[in-house]
């Protein structure tokens, strides 16, 4: 699953995106467990059907990631900065 950093209005706070992903994973696991309980199935389920791993792509500060990466990313996220910082 690919996530990309983005400063546009389409991006969400990284913490919020991780929370939503965790909820999707938990919901998927419980649905999977209930549907495979009688069939002898089991194992870990992930909302994306994959390994549960995330590749987080960072762009350069001036221009960010490419348009192609943003289009292919499942999530667009930003890091909330606190205090007087305006850069990572």
C-alpha atoms as a PDB file:
ATOM      1  CA  UNK A   1       0.000   0.000   0.000  1.00  0.00           C
ATOM      2  CA  UNK A   2       1.498   3.340  -1.043  1.00  0.00           C
ATOM      3  CA  UNK A   3       0.954   6.590   0.823  1.00  0.00           C
ATOM      4  CA  UNK A   4       2.438   9.910  -0.263  1.00  0.00           C
ATOM      5  CA  UNK A   5       3.100  13.143   1.564  1.00  0.00           C
ATOM      6  CA  UNK A   6       1.054  16.016   0.193  1.00  0.00           C
ATOM      7  CA  UNK A   7       0.281  19.571   1.305  1.00  0.00           C
ATOM      8  CA  UNK A   8      -2.914  19.967  -0.726  1.00  0.00           C
ATOM      9  CA  UNK A   9      -6.442  20.097   0.656  1.00  0.00           C
ATOM     10  CA  UNK A  10      -6.841  16.433  -0.368  1.00  0.00           C
ATOM     11  CA  UNK A  11      -4.315  15.264   2.249  1.00  0.00           C
ATOM     12  CA  UNK A  12      -5.235  14.100   5.730  1.00  0.00           C
ATOM     13  CA  UNK A  13      -3.317  14.199   8.976  1.00  0.00           C
ATOM     14  CA  UNK A  14      -1.036  11.144   9.206  1.00  0.00           C
ATOM     15  CA  UNK A  15      -2.431  10.226  12.631  1.00  0.00           C
ATOM     16  CA  UNK A  16      -6.008  10.299  11.303  1.00  0.00           C
ATOM     17  CA  UNK A  17      -5.078   8.184   8.285  1.00  0.00           C
ATOM     18  CA  UNK A  18      -3.361   5.590  10.489  1.00  0.00           C
ATOM     19  CA  UNK A  19      -6.386   5.478  12.803  1.00  0.00           C
ATOM     20  CA  UNK A  20      -8.771   4.914   9.860  1.00  0.00           C
ATOM     21  CA  UNK A  21      -6.483   2.210   8.464  1.00  0.00           C
ATOM     22  CA  UNK A  22      -6.374   0.434  11.815  1.00  0.00           C
ATOM     23  CA  UNK A  23     -10.178   0.521  11.996  1.00  0.00           C
ATOM     24  CA  UNK A  24     -10.523  -0.861   8.440  1.00  0.00           C
ATOM     25  CA  UNK A  25      -8.071  -3.632   9.310  1.00  0.00           C
ATOM     26  CA  UNK A  26      -9.936  -4.539  12.496  1.00  0.00           C
ATOM     27  CA  UNK A  27     -13.283  -4.521  10.685  1.00  0.00           C
ATOM     28  CA  UNK A  28     -11.855  -6.677   7.887  1.00  0.00           C
ATOM     29  CA  UNK A  29     -10.313  -9.122  10.346  1.00  0.00           C
ATOM     30  CA  UNK A  30     -13.548  -9.581  12.255  1.00  0.00           C
ATOM     31  CA  UNK A  31     -15.529 -10.099   9.042  1.00  0.00           C
ATOM     32  CA  UNK A  32     -12.926 -12.541   7.762  1.00  0.00           C
ATOM     33  CA  UNK A  33     -12.863 -14.471  11.035  1.00  0.00           C
ATOM     34  CA  UNK A  34     -16.644 -14.796  11.134  1.00  0.00           C
ATOM     35  CA  UNK A  35     -16.909 -15.880   7.496  1.00  0.00           C
ATOM     36  CA  UNK A  36     -14.096 -18.471   7.743  1.00  0.00           C
ATOM     37  CA  UNK A  37     -14.807 -19.795  11.247  1.00  0.00           C
ATOM     38  CA  UNK A  38     -16.853 -22.702   9.985  1.00  0.00           C
ATOM     39  CA  UNK A  39     -14.541 -23.408   7.063  1.00  0.00           C
ATOM     40  CA  UNK A  40     -11.446 -23.917   9.182  1.00  0.00           C
ATOM     41  CA  UNK A  41      -9.874 -20.756   7.779  1.00  0.00           C
ATOM     42  CA  UNK A  42      -7.884 -18.254   9.691  1.00  0.00           C
ATOM     43  CA  UNK A  43      -4.858 -16.038   9.505  1.00  0.00           C
ATOM     44  CA  UNK A  44      -4.389 -12.327   9.502  1.00  0.00           C
ATOM     45  CA  UNK A  45      -6.627 -10.188   7.354  1.00  0.00           C
ATOM     46  CA  UNK A  46      -5.800  -6.756   6.095  1.00  0.00           C
ATOM     47  CA  UNK A  47      -8.203  -4.171   4.726  1.00  0.00           C
ATOM     48  CA  UNK A  48      -6.184  -3.861   1.530  1.00  0.00           C
ATOM     49  CA  UNK A  49      -5.830  -7.613   1.108  1.00  0.00           C
ATOM     50  CA  UNK A  50      -2.048  -7.280   1.340  1.00  0.00           C
ATOM     51  CA  UNK A  51       0.606  -7.694   3.976  1.00  0.00           C
ATOM     52  CA  UNK A  52      -0.491  -4.659   5.955  1.00  0.00           C
ATOM     53  CA  UNK A  53       2.682  -2.755   5.125  1.00  0.00           C
ATOM     54  CA  UNK A  54       2.805   0.885   4.071  1.00  0.00           C
ATOM     55  CA  UNK A  55       5.345   2.549   1.801  1.00  0.00           C
ATOM     56  CA  UNK A  56       5.402   6.245   2.663  1.00  0.00           C
ATOM     57  CA  UNK A  57       6.790   8.347  -0.187  1.00  0.00           C
ATOM     58  CA  UNK A  58       8.360  11.721   0.649  1.00  0.00           C
ATOM     59  CA  UNK A  59       8.908  14.386  -1.960  1.00  0.00           C
ATOM     60  CA  UNK A  60      11.305  17.278  -2.002  1.00  0.00           C
ATOM     61  CA  UNK A  61      10.274  20.194   0.157  1.00  0.00           C
ATOM     62  CA  UNK A  62       9.998  22.618  -2.752  1.00  0.00           C
ATOM     63  CA  UNK A  63       7.881  20.531  -5.146  1.00  0.00           C
ATOM     64  CA  UNK A  64       6.706  17.455  -3.263  1.00  0.00           C
ATOM     65  CA  UNK A  65       6.158  14.096  -4.952  1.00  0.00           C
ATOM     66  CA  UNK A  66       5.344  13.675  -8.631  1.00  0.00           C
ATOM     67  CA  UNK A  67       1.819  13.778  -9.999  1.00  0.00           C
ATOM     68  CA  UNK A  68       2.118  10.087 -10.913  1.00  0.00           C
ATOM     69  CA  UNK A  69       2.961   9.111  -7.340  1.00  0.00           C
ATOM     70  CA  UNK A  70       0.030  11.141  -5.988  1.00  0.00           C
ATOM     71  CA  UNK A  71      -2.338   9.499  -8.468  1.00  0.00           C
ATOM     72  CA  UNK A  72      -1.113   6.025  -7.507  1.00  0.00           C
ATOM     73  CA  UNK A  73      -1.129   6.590  -3.757  1.00  0.00           C
ATOM     74  CA  UNK A  74      -3.946   5.131  -1.697  1.00  0.00           C
ATOM     75  CA  UNK A  75      -3.586   7.908   0.899  1.00  0.00           C
ATOM     76  CA  UNK A  76      -2.278  11.454   0.772  1.00  0.00           C
ATOM     77  CA  UNK A  77      -1.003  12.504   4.157  1.00  0.00           C
ATOM     78  CA  UNK A  78       0.724  15.376   5.878  1.00  0.00           C
ATOM     79  CA  UNK A  79       2.614  15.650   9.136  1.00  0.00           C
ATOM     80  CA  UNK A  80       1.052  18.172  11.498  1.00  0.00           C
ATOM     81  CA  UNK A  81       3.690  20.548  12.797  1.00  0.00           C
ATOM     82  CA  UNK A  82       3.338  22.138  16.195  1.00  0.00           C
ATOM     83  CA  UNK A  83       4.901  25.310  17.514  1.00  0.00           C
ATOM     84  CA  UNK A  84       6.829  27.590  15.201  1.00  0.00           C
ATOM     85  CA  UNK A  85       8.213  24.901  12.884  1.00  0.00           C
ATOM     86  CA  UNK A  86       7.340  25.234   9.204  1.00  0.00           C
ATOM     87  CA  UNK A  87       9.527  22.407   7.927  1.00  0.00           C
ATOM     88  CA  UNK A  88      10.540  18.884   8.892  1.00  0.00           C
END
